[in-house]
Every structure is written in structure tokens, then in C-alpha cells.
Amino acid sequence: MDNGIELAKEISEKIAELPEAKEYLRLKKIIDEDEEIKKLQKEIVSFRSEGKNQEATELTNKLNSLPIIVNFEAVRAQLADTLKVISNILK
């Protein structure tokens, strides 16, 4: 197998072991399975398609203030920072 491919697989496996990556995936799964969040997302899309931007904005703010979403966004930002550092090291 090509050394570049082997190295990429090894890096990918190491990234998947990062606490930030594990937490990101854990929270994403919870969010993806949460019925309240799904309902809010559908209502936001519906309001936007109907041109009801104020209502969509209010629901978006409600969605973004849910503790699980706040935590997810913080972890997502942390993971993005970590991946940026890794990317810079590999350049």
C-alpha cells in the first residue's frame, strides 16, 4: 500500500481518538435523534419558506440556546481549532 495512504489512515485514526472528536460525534448523535430539535428545525425551514423570517429567527434563537446545541457548538469550535493546528503541522 502507498505510504501516503497509510499515513493518512493513521492520522485519521488518531484524530478519531481525540477527546474533542469523540465528544463531537456523541453530541451530534444526540442532536440527530432529538425529536424536539427535529421539530424546531422543520418549523424553521417552514417559516423561512413562507417568508416568515421573524418567526424563523425566533425559533433559531430558541434552538441555538438549547444546552445541547450550546455544548455542541463549543465542542465543534474546539475540534475545528485542533484540526487547524494539525493541518498547519502537516503543511
PDB file of N, CA and C in Angstrom:
ATOM      1  N   MET A   1       0.851  -1.183   0.000  1.00  0.00           N
ATOM      2  CA  MET A   1       0.000   0.000   0.000  1.00  0.00           C
ATOM      3  C   MET A   1       0.892   1.240   0.000  1.00  0.00           C
ATOM      4  N   ASP A   2       0.424   2.277  -0.593  1.00  0.00           N
ATOM      5  CA  ASP A   2       1.155   3.538  -0.690  1.00  0.00           C
ATOM      6  C   ASP A   2       1.396   4.136   0.699  1.00  0.00           C
ATOM      7  N   ASN A   3       2.609   4.618   0.948  1.00  0.00           N
ATOM      8  CA  ASN A   3       2.942   5.200   2.250  1.00  0.00           C
ATOM      9  C   ASN A   3       2.067   6.398   2.585  1.00  0.00           C
ATOM     10  N   GLY A   4       1.718   7.199   1.578  1.00  0.00           N
ATOM     11  CA  GLY A   4       0.854   8.361   1.807  1.00  0.00           C
ATOM     12  C   GLY A   4      -0.524   7.952   2.287  1.00  0.00           C
ATOM     13  N   ILE A   5      -1.045   6.908   1.706  1.00  0.00           N
ATOM     14  CA  ILE A   5      -2.369   6.418   2.101  1.00  0.00           C
ATOM     15  C   ILE A   5      -2.305   5.842   3.512  1.00  0.00           C
ATOM     16  N   GLU A   6      -1.252   5.102   3.807  1.00  0.00           N
ATOM     17  CA  GLU A   6      -1.095   4.542   5.149  1.00  0.00           C
ATOM     18  C   GLU A   6      -0.997   5.653   6.188  1.00  0.00           C
ATOM     19  N   LEU A   7      -0.225   6.680   5.868  1.00  0.00           N
ATOM     20  CA  LEU A   7      -0.072   7.802   6.788  1.00  0.00           C
ATOM     21  C   LEU A   7      -1.406   8.517   6.989  1.00  0.00           C
ATOM     22  N   ALA A   8      -2.154   8.712   5.907  1.00  0.00           N
ATOM     23  CA  ALA A   8      -3.462   9.375   6.009  1.00  0.00           C
ATOM     24  C   ALA A   8      -4.410   8.562   6.887  1.00  0.00           C
ATOM     25  N   LYS A   9      -4.407   7.251   6.731  1.00  0.00           N
ATOM     26  CA  LYS A   9      -5.263   6.396   7.558  1.00  0.00           C
ATOM     27  C   LYS A   9      -4.859   6.478   9.022  1.00  0.00           C
ATOM     28  N   GLU A  10      -3.551   6.486   9.272  1.00  0.00           N
ATOM     29  CA  GLU A  10      -3.065   6.576  10.648  1.00  0.00           C
ATOM     30  C   GLU A  10      -3.465   7.907  11.288  1.00  0.00           C
ATOM     31  N   ILE A  11      -3.322   8.983  10.540  1.00  0.00           N
ATOM     32  CA  ILE A  11      -3.711  10.311  11.047  1.00  0.00           C
ATOM     33  C   ILE A  11      -5.208  10.344  11.313  1.00  0.00           C
ATOM     34  N   SER A  12      -5.987   9.789  10.392  1.00  0.00           N
ATOM     35  CA  SER A  12      -7.440   9.747  10.555  1.00  0.00           C
ATOM     36  C   SER A  12      -7.835   8.988  11.823  1.00  0.00           C
ATOM     37  N   GLU A  13      -7.176   7.865  12.061  1.00  0.00           N
ATOM     38  CA  GLU A  13      -7.468   7.072  13.261  1.00  0.00           C
ATOM     39  C   GLU A  13      -7.108   7.840  14.531  1.00  0.00           C
ATOM     40  N   LYS A  14      -5.992   8.555  14.500  1.00  0.00           N
ATOM     41  CA  LYS A  14      -5.559   9.337  15.663  1.00  0.00           C
ATOM     42  C   LYS A  14      -6.532  10.489  15.921  1.00  0.00           C
ATOM     43  N   ILE A  15      -7.002  11.120  14.861  1.00  0.00           N
ATOM     44  CA  ILE A  15      -7.969  12.217  15.008  1.00  0.00           C
ATOM     45  C   ILE A  15      -9.261  11.688  15.632  1.00  0.00           C
ATOM     46  N   ALA A  16      -9.690  10.524  15.194  1.00  0.00           N
ATOM     47  CA  ALA A  16     -10.923   9.930  15.728  1.00  0.00           C
ATOM     48  C   ALA A  16     -10.805   9.608  17.214  1.00  0.00           C
ATOM     49  N   GLU A  17      -9.575   9.454  17.707  1.00  0.00           N
ATOM     50  CA  GLU A  17      -9.353   9.154  19.119  1.00  0.00           C
ATOM     51  C   GLU A  17      -9.306  10.419  19.989  1.00  0.00           C
ATOM     52  N   LEU A  18      -9.240  11.579  19.370  1.00  0.00           N
ATOM     53  CA  LEU A  18      -9.184  12.826  20.136  1.00  0.00           C
ATOM     54  C   LEU A  18     -10.448  12.989  20.979  1.00  0.00           C
ATOM     55  N   PRO A  19     -10.307  13.460  22.216  1.00  0.00           N
ATOM     56  CA  PRO A  19     -11.492  13.683  23.054  1.00  0.00           C
ATOM     57  C   PRO A  19     -12.504  14.622  22.380  1.00  0.00           C
ATOM     58  N   GLU A  20     -12.004  15.640  21.686  1.00  0.00           N
ATOM     59  CA  GLU A  20     -12.907  16.581  21.012  1.00  0.00           C
ATOM     60  C   GLU A  20     -13.718  15.890  19.922  1.00  0.00           C
ATOM     61  N   ALA A  21     -13.076  14.986  19.183  1.00  0.00           N
ATOM     62  CA  ALA A  21     -13.766  14.274  18.107  1.00  0.00           C
ATOM     63  C   ALA A  21     -14.809  13.317  18.675  1.00  0.00           C
ATOM     64  N   LYS A  22     -14.441  12.613  19.726  1.00  0.00           N
ATOM     65  CA  LYS A  22     -15.395  11.681  20.351  1.00  0.00           C
ATOM     66  C   LYS A  22     -16.609  12.426  20.904  1.00  0.00           C
ATOM     67  N   GLU A  23     -16.351  13.550  21.560  1.00  0.00           N
ATOM     68  CA  GLU A  23     -17.455  14.320  22.144  1.00  0.00           C
ATOM     69  C   GLU A  23     -18.331  14.929  21.046  1.00  0.00           C
ATOM     70  N   TYR A  24     -17.704  15.410  19.981  1.00  0.00           N
ATOM     71  CA  TYR A  24     -18.446  15.964  18.845  1.00  0.00           C
ATOM     72  C   TYR A  24     -19.411  14.915  18.290  1.00  0.00           C
ATOM     73  N   LEU A  25     -18.907  13.721  18.054  1.00  0.00           N
ATOM     74  CA  LEU A  25     -19.747  12.657  17.496  1.00  0.00           C
ATOM     75  C   LEU A  25     -20.843  12.228  18.469  1.00  0.00           C
ATOM     76  N   ARG A  26     -20.523  12.201  19.755  1.00  0.00           N
ATOM     77  CA  ARG A  26     -21.519  11.831  20.765  1.00  0.00           C
ATOM     78  C   ARG A  26     -22.662  12.847  20.782  1.00  0.00           C
ATOM     79  N   LEU A  27     -22.300  14.134  20.813  1.00  0.00           N
ATOM     80  CA  LEU A  27     -23.322  15.182  20.841  1.00  0.00           C
ATOM     81  C   LEU A  27     -24.121  15.222  19.543  1.00  0.00           C
ATOM     82  N   LYS A  28     -23.439  15.032  18.414  1.00  0.00           N
ATOM     83  CA  LYS A  28     -24.130  15.038  17.117  1.00  0.00           C
ATOM     84  C   LYS A  28     -25.181  13.944  17.060  1.00  0.00           C
ATOM     85  N   LYS A  29     -24.848  12.776  17.587  1.00  0.00           N
ATOM     86  CA  LYS A  29     -25.810  11.665  17.600  1.00  0.00           C
ATOM     87  C   LYS A  29     -27.031  12.019  18.452  1.00  0.00           C
ATOM     88  N   ILE A  30     -26.788  12.601  19.607  1.00  0.00           N
ATOM     89  CA  ILE A  30     -27.896  13.006  20.486  1.00  0.00           C
ATOM     90  C   ILE A  30     -28.784  14.021  19.774  1.00  0.00           C
ATOM     91  N   ILE A  31     -28.165  15.002  19.150  1.00  0.00           N
ATOM     92  CA  ILE A  31     -28.912  16.051  18.441  1.00  0.00           C
ATOM     93  C   ILE A  31     -29.710  15.453  17.295  1.00  0.00           C
ATOM     94  N   ASP A  32     -29.065  14.580  16.510  1.00  0.00           N
ATOM     95  CA  ASP A  32     -29.731  13.973  15.353  1.00  0.00           C
ATOM     96  C   ASP A  32     -30.938  13.125  15.750  1.00  0.00           C
ATOM     97  N   GLU A  33     -30.943  12.617  16.976  1.00  0.00           N
ATOM     98  CA  GLU A  33     -32.038  11.748  17.425  1.00  0.00           C
ATOM     99  C   GLU A  33     -33.068  12.476  18.276  1.00  0.00           C
ATOM    100  N   ASP A  34     -32.849  13.748  18.565  1.00  0.00           N
ATOM    101  CA  ASP A  34     -33.732  14.502  19.457  1.00  0.00           C
ATOM    102  C   ASP A  34     -34.964  15.005  18.693  1.00  0.00           C
ATOM    103  N   GLU A  35     -36.131  14.570  19.131  1.00  0.00           N
ATOM    104  CA  GLU A  35     -37.374  14.921  18.439  1.00  0.00           C
ATOM    105  C   GLU A  35     -37.698  16.417  18.555  1.00  0.00           C
ATOM    106  N   GLU A  36     -37.412  17.018  19.703  1.00  0.00           N
ATOM    107  CA  GLU A  36     -37.672  18.452  19.870  1.00  0.00           C
ATOM    108  C   GLU A  36     -36.825  19.269  18.892  1.00  0.00           C
ATOM    109  N   ILE A  37     -35.588  18.890  18.741  1.00  0.00           N
ATOM    110  CA  ILE A  37     -34.701  19.599  17.823  1.00  0.00           C
ATOM    111  C   ILE A  37     -35.167  19.406  16.383  1.00  0.00           C
ATOM    112  N   LYS A  38     -35.530  18.188  16.027  1.00  0.00           N
ATOM    113  CA  LYS A  38     -36.039  17.924  14.675  1.00  0.00           C
ATOM    114  C   LYS A  38     -37.262  18.788  14.386  1.00  0.00           C
ATOM    115  N   LYS A  39     -38.164  18.873  15.370  1.00  0.00           N
ATOM    116  CA  LYS A  39     -39.385  19.669  15.201  1.00  0.00           C
ATOM    117  C   LYS A  39     -39.048  21.140  14.993  1.00  0.00           C
ATOM    118  N   LEU A  40     -38.147  21.667  15.818  1.00  0.00           N
ATOM    119  CA  LEU A  40     -37.748  23.072  15.674  1.00  0.00           C
ATOM    120  C   LEU A  40     -37.114  23.325  14.309  1.00  0.00           C
ATOM    121  N   GLN A  41     -36.261  22.427  13.869  1.00  0.00           N
ATOM    122  CA  GLN A  41     -35.607  22.586  12.571  1.00  0.00           C
ATOM    123  C   GLN A  41     -36.623  22.601  11.428  1.00  0.00           C
ATOM    124  N   LYS A  42     -37.612  21.713  11.498  1.00  0.00           N
ATOM    125  CA  LYS A  42     -38.653  21.676  10.470  1.00  0.00           C
ATOM    126  C   LYS A  42     -39.478  22.962  10.483  1.00  0.00           C
ATOM    127  N   GLU A  43     -39.806  23.459  11.684  1.00  0.00           N
ATOM    128  CA  GLU A  43     -40.583  24.686  11.794  1.00  0.00           C
ATOM    129  C   GLU A  43     -39.789  25.877  11.245  1.00  0.00           C
ATOM    130  N   ILE A  44     -38.503  25.912  11.504  1.00  0.00           N
ATOM    131  CA  ILE A  44     -37.657  26.994  10.990  1.00  0.00           C
ATOM    132  C   ILE A  44     -37.672  26.981   9.467  1.00  0.00           C
ATOM    133  N   VAL A  45     -37.481  25.813   8.884  1.00  0.00           N
ATOM    134  CA  VAL A  45     -37.497  25.688   7.417  1.00  0.00           C
ATOM    135  C   VAL A  45     -38.855  26.113   6.874  1.00  0.00           C
ATOM    136  N   SER A  46     -39.921  25.684   7.524  1.00  0.00           N
ATOM    137  CA  SER A  46     -41.273  26.022   7.083  1.00  0.00           C
ATOM    138  C   SER A  46     -41.505  27.535   7.132  1.00  0.00           C
ATOM    139  N   PHE A  47     -41.135  28.152   8.253  1.00  0.00           N
ATOM    140  CA  PHE A  47     -41.306  29.604   8.369  1.00  0.00           C
ATOM    141  C   PHE A  47     -40.504  30.339   7.305  1.00  0.00           C
ATOM    142  N   ARG A  48     -39.278  29.892   7.066  1.00  0.00           N
ATOM    143  CA  ARG A  48     -38.444  30.563   6.055  1.00  0.00           C
ATOM    144  C   ARG A  48     -39.056  30.429   4.670  1.00  0.00           C
ATOM    145  N   SER A  49     -39.568  29.249   4.351  1.00  0.00           N
ATOM    146  CA  SER A  49     -40.157  29.039   3.020  1.00  0.00           C
ATOM    147  C   SER A  49     -41.435  29.853   2.842  1.00  0.00           C
ATOM    148  N   GLU A  50     -42.084  30.181   3.965  1.00  0.00           N
ATOM    149  CA  GLU A  50     -43.299  31.001   3.918  1.00  0.00           C
ATOM    150  C   GLU A  50     -42.982  32.488   4.011  1.00  0.00           C
ATOM    151  N   GLY A  51     -41.706  32.820   4.109  1.00  0.00           N
ATOM    152  CA  GLY A  51     -41.314  34.221   4.218  1.00  0.00           C
ATOM    153  C   GLY A  51     -41.520  34.812   5.605  1.00  0.00           C
ATOM    154  N   LYS A  52     -41.727  33.963   6.583  1.00  0.00           N
ATOM    155  CA  LYS A  52     -41.930  34.420   7.966  1.00  0.00           C
ATOM    156  C   LYS A  52     -40.578  34.446   8.681  1.00  0.00           C
ATOM    157  N   ASN A  53     -39.768  35.416   8.297  1.00  0.00           N
ATOM    158  CA  ASN A  53     -38.393  35.465   8.785  1.00  0.00           C
ATOM    159  C   ASN A  53     -38.296  35.775  10.273  1.00  0.00           C
ATOM    160  N   GLN A  54     -39.190  36.607  10.788  1.00  0.00           N
ATOM    161  CA  GLN A  54     -39.156  36.932  12.214  1.00  0.00           C
ATOM    162  C   GLN A  54     -39.396  35.678  13.054  1.00  0.00           C
ATOM    163  N   GLU A  55     -40.400  34.892  12.670  1.00  0.00           N
ATOM    164  CA  GLU A  55     -40.701  33.669  13.397  1.00  0.00           C
ATOM    165  C   GLU A  55     -39.541  32.669  13.283  1.00  0.00           C
ATOM    166  N   ALA A  56     -38.962  32.587  12.080  1.00  0.00           N
ATOM    167  CA  ALA A  56     -37.827  31.685  11.872  1.00  0.00           C
ATOM    168  C   ALA A  56     -36.644  32.097  12.738  1.00  0.00           C
ATOM    169  N   THR A  57     -36.399  33.400  12.824  1.00  0.00           N
ATOM    170  CA  THR A  57     -35.301  33.908  13.647  1.00  0.00           C
ATOM    171  C   THR A  57     -35.532  33.600  15.125  1.00  0.00           C
ATOM    172  N   GLU A  58     -36.770  33.791  15.580  1.00  0.00           N
ATOM    173  CA  GLU A  58     -37.086  33.491  16.982  1.00  0.00           C
ATOM    174  C   GLU A  58     -36.861  32.016  17.311  1.00  0.00           C
ATOM    175  N   LEU A  59     -37.301  31.141  16.401  1.00  0.00           N
ATOM    176  CA  LEU A  59     -37.098  29.710  16.638  1.00  0.00           C
ATOM    177  C   LEU A  59     -35.627  29.324  16.534  1.00  0.00           C
ATOM    178  N   THR A  60     -34.909  29.974  15.629  1.00  0.00           N
ATOM    179  CA  THR A  60     -33.472  29.723  15.505  1.00  0.00           C
ATOM    180  C   THR A  60     -32.762  30.104  16.795  1.00  0.00           C
ATOM    181  N   ASN A  61     -33.144  31.239  17.359  1.00  0.00           N
ATOM    182  CA  ASN A  61     -32.560  31.659  18.634  1.00  0.00           C
ATOM    183  C   ASN A  61     -32.892  30.667  19.747  1.00  0.00           C
ATOM    184  N   LYS A  62     -34.121  30.178  19.732  1.00  0.00           N
ATOM    185  CA  LYS A  62     -34.527  29.173  20.732  1.00  0.00           C
ATOM    186  C   LYS A  62     -33.700  27.898  20.570  1.00  0.00           C
ATOM    187  N   LEU A  63     -33.555  27.451  19.333  1.00  0.00           N
ATOM    188  CA  LEU A  63     -32.770  26.255  19.041  1.00  0.00           C
ATOM    189  C   LEU A  63     -31.323  26.431  19.500  1.00  0.00           C
ATOM    190  N   ASN A  64     -30.743  27.570  19.143  1.00  0.00           N
ATOM    191  CA  ASN A  64     -29.338  27.825  19.457  1.00  0.00           C
ATOM    192  C   ASN A  64     -29.077  28.034  20.949  1.00  0.00           C
ATOM    193  N   SER A  65     -30.127  28.252  21.720  1.00  0.00           N
ATOM    194  CA  SER A  65     -29.947  28.439  23.164  1.00  0.00           C
ATOM    195  C   SER A  65     -30.139  27.148  23.958  1.00  0.00           C
ATOM    196  N   LEU A  66     -30.544  26.084  23.286  1.00  0.00           N
ATOM    197  CA  LEU A  66     -30.675  24.793  23.978  1.00  0.00           C
ATOM    198  C   LEU A  66     -29.294  24.353  24.464  1.00  0.00           C
ATOM    199  N   PRO A  67     -29.200  23.878  25.705  1.00  0.00           N
ATOM    200  CA  PRO A  67     -27.889  23.490  26.254  1.00  0.00           C
ATOM    201  C   PRO A  67     -27.112  22.509  25.380  1.00  0.00           C
ATOM    202  N   ILE A  68     -27.796  21.536  24.799  1.00  0.00           N
ATOM    203  CA  ILE A  68     -27.098  20.557  23.957  1.00  0.00           C
ATOM    204  C   ILE A  68     -26.486  21.219  22.730  1.00  0.00           C
ATOM    205  N   ILE A  69     -27.179  22.213  22.169  1.00  0.00           N
ATOM    206  CA  ILE A  69     -26.673  22.925  20.993  1.00  0.00           C
ATOM    207  C   ILE A  69     -25.500  23.817  21.395  1.00  0.00           C
ATOM    208  N   VAL A  70     -25.627  24.490  22.529  1.00  0.00           N
ATOM    209  CA  VAL A  70     -24.536  25.340  23.022  1.00  0.00           C
ATOM    210  C   VAL A  70     -23.278  24.496  23.223  1.00  0.00           C
ATOM    211  N   ASN A  71     -23.435  23.349  23.866  1.00  0.00           N
ATOM    212  CA  ASN A  71     -22.300  22.444  24.095  1.00  0.00           C
ATOM    213  C   ASN A  71     -21.732  21.933  22.779  1.00  0.00           C
ATOM    214  N   PHE A  72     -22.611  21.552  21.863  1.00  0.00           N
ATOM    215  CA  PHE A  72     -22.176  21.038  20.567  1.00  0.00           C
ATOM    216  C   PHE A  72     -21.356  22.083  19.822  1.00  0.00           C
ATOM    217  N   GLU A  73     -21.836  23.316  19.796  1.00  0.00           N
ATOM    218  CA  GLU A  73     -21.120  24.378  19.082  1.00  0.00           C
ATOM    219  C   GLU A  73     -19.763  24.661  19.713  1.00  0.00           C
ATOM    220  N   ALA A  74     -19.671  24.585  21.033  1.00  0.00           N
ATOM    221  CA  ALA A  74     -18.394  24.800  21.709  1.00  0.00           C
ATOM    222  C   ALA A  74     -17.409  23.681  21.351  1.00  0.00           C
ATOM    223  N   VAL A  75     -17.886  22.462  21.365  1.00  0.00           N
ATOM    224  CA  VAL A  75     -17.030  21.319  21.016  1.00  0.00           C
ATOM    225  C   VAL A  75     -16.643  21.373  19.542  1.00  0.00           C
ATOM    226  N   ARG A  76     -17.595  21.762  18.693  1.00  0.00           N
ATOM    227  CA  ARG A  76     -17.312  21.884  17.263  1.00  0.00           C
ATOM    228  C   ARG A  76     -16.196  22.896  17.015  1.00  0.00           C
ATOM    229  N   ALA A  77     -16.264  24.033  17.701  1.00  0.00           N
ATOM    230  CA  ALA A  77     -15.239  25.062  17.554  1.00  0.00           C
ATOM    231  C   ALA A  77     -13.889  24.559  18.050  1.00  0.00           C
ATOM    232  N   GLN A  78     -13.906  23.844  19.163  1.00  0.00           N
ATOM    233  CA  GLN A  78     -12.677  23.265  19.720  1.00  0.00           C
ATOM    234  C   GLN A  78     -12.054  22.276  18.740  1.00  0.00           C
ATOM    235  N   LEU A  79     -12.882  21.407  18.172  1.00  0.00           N
ATOM    236  CA  LEU A  79     -12.401  20.422  17.218  1.00  0.00           C
ATOM    237  C   LEU A  79     -11.855  21.112  15.966  1.00  0.00           C
ATOM    238  N   ALA A  80     -12.542  22.132  15.493  1.00  0.00           N
ATOM    239  CA  ALA A  80     -12.072  22.869  14.316  1.00  0.00           C
ATOM    240  C   ALA A  80     -10.702  23.486  14.583  1.00  0.00           C
ATOM    241  N   ASP A  81     -10.511  24.050  15.764  1.00  0.00           N
ATOM    242  CA  ASP A  81      -9.212  24.623  16.127  1.00  0.00           C
ATOM    243  C   ASP A  81      -8.126  23.548  16.140  1.00  0.00           C
ATOM    244  N   THR A  82      -8.442  22.406  16.724  1.00  0.00           N
ATOM    245  CA  THR A  82      -7.479  21.304  16.785  1.00  0.00           C
ATOM    246  C   THR A  82      -7.119  20.817  15.389  1.00  0.00           C
ATOM    247  N   LEU A  83      -8.117  20.685  14.527  1.00  0.00           N
ATOM    248  CA  LEU A  83      -7.862  20.235  13.154  1.00  0.00           C
ATOM    249  C   LEU A  83      -7.041  21.269  12.373  1.00  0.00           C
ATOM    250  N   LYS A  84      -7.252  22.529  12.666  1.00  0.00           N
ATOM    251  CA  LYS A  84      -6.469  23.582  12.018  1.00  0.00           C
ATOM    252  C   LYS A  84      -4.996  23.481  12.416  1.00  0.00           C
ATOM    253  N   VAL A  85      -4.750  23.235  13.696  1.00  0.00           N
ATOM    254  CA  VAL A  85      -3.378  23.052  14.177  1.00  0.00           C
ATOM    255  C   VAL A  85      -2.740  21.840  13.481  1.00  0.00           C
ATOM    256  N   ILE A  86      -3.463  20.736  13.419  1.00  0.00           N
ATOM    257  CA  ILE A  86      -2.951  19.539  12.768  1.00  0.00           C
ATOM    258  C   ILE A  86      -2.649  19.830  11.298  1.00  0.00           C
ATOM    259  N   SER A  87      -3.551  20.518  10.647  1.00  0.00           N
ATOM    260  CA  SER A  87      -3.361  20.854   9.237  1.00  0.00           C
ATOM    261  C   SER A  87      -2.104  21.703   9.039  1.00  0.00           C
ATOM    262  N   ASN A  88      -1.911  22.668   9.914  1.00  0.00           N
ATOM    263  CA  ASN A  88      -0.728  23.519   9.812  1.00  0.00           C
ATOM    264  C   ASN A  88       0.563  22.744  10.046  1.00  0.00           C
ATOM    265  N   ILE A  89       0.535  21.775  10.946  1.00  0.00           N
ATOM    266  CA  ILE A  89       1.701  20.942  11.203  1.00  0.00           C
ATOM    267  C   ILE A  89       2.041  20.092   9.975  1.00  0.00           C
ATOM    268  N   LEU A  90       1.001  19.617   9.296  1.00  0.00           N
ATOM    269  CA  LEU A  90       1.216  18.722   8.151  1.00  0.00           C
ATOM    270  C   LEU A  90       1.633  19.442   6.875  1.00  0.00           C
ATOM    271  N   LYS A  91       1.551  20.755   6.870  1.00  0.00           N
ATOM    272  CA  LYS A  91       1.908  21.519   5.651  1.00  0.00           C
ATOM    273  C   LYS A  91       3.387  21.525   5.427  1.00  0.00           C
TER     274      LYS A  91
END
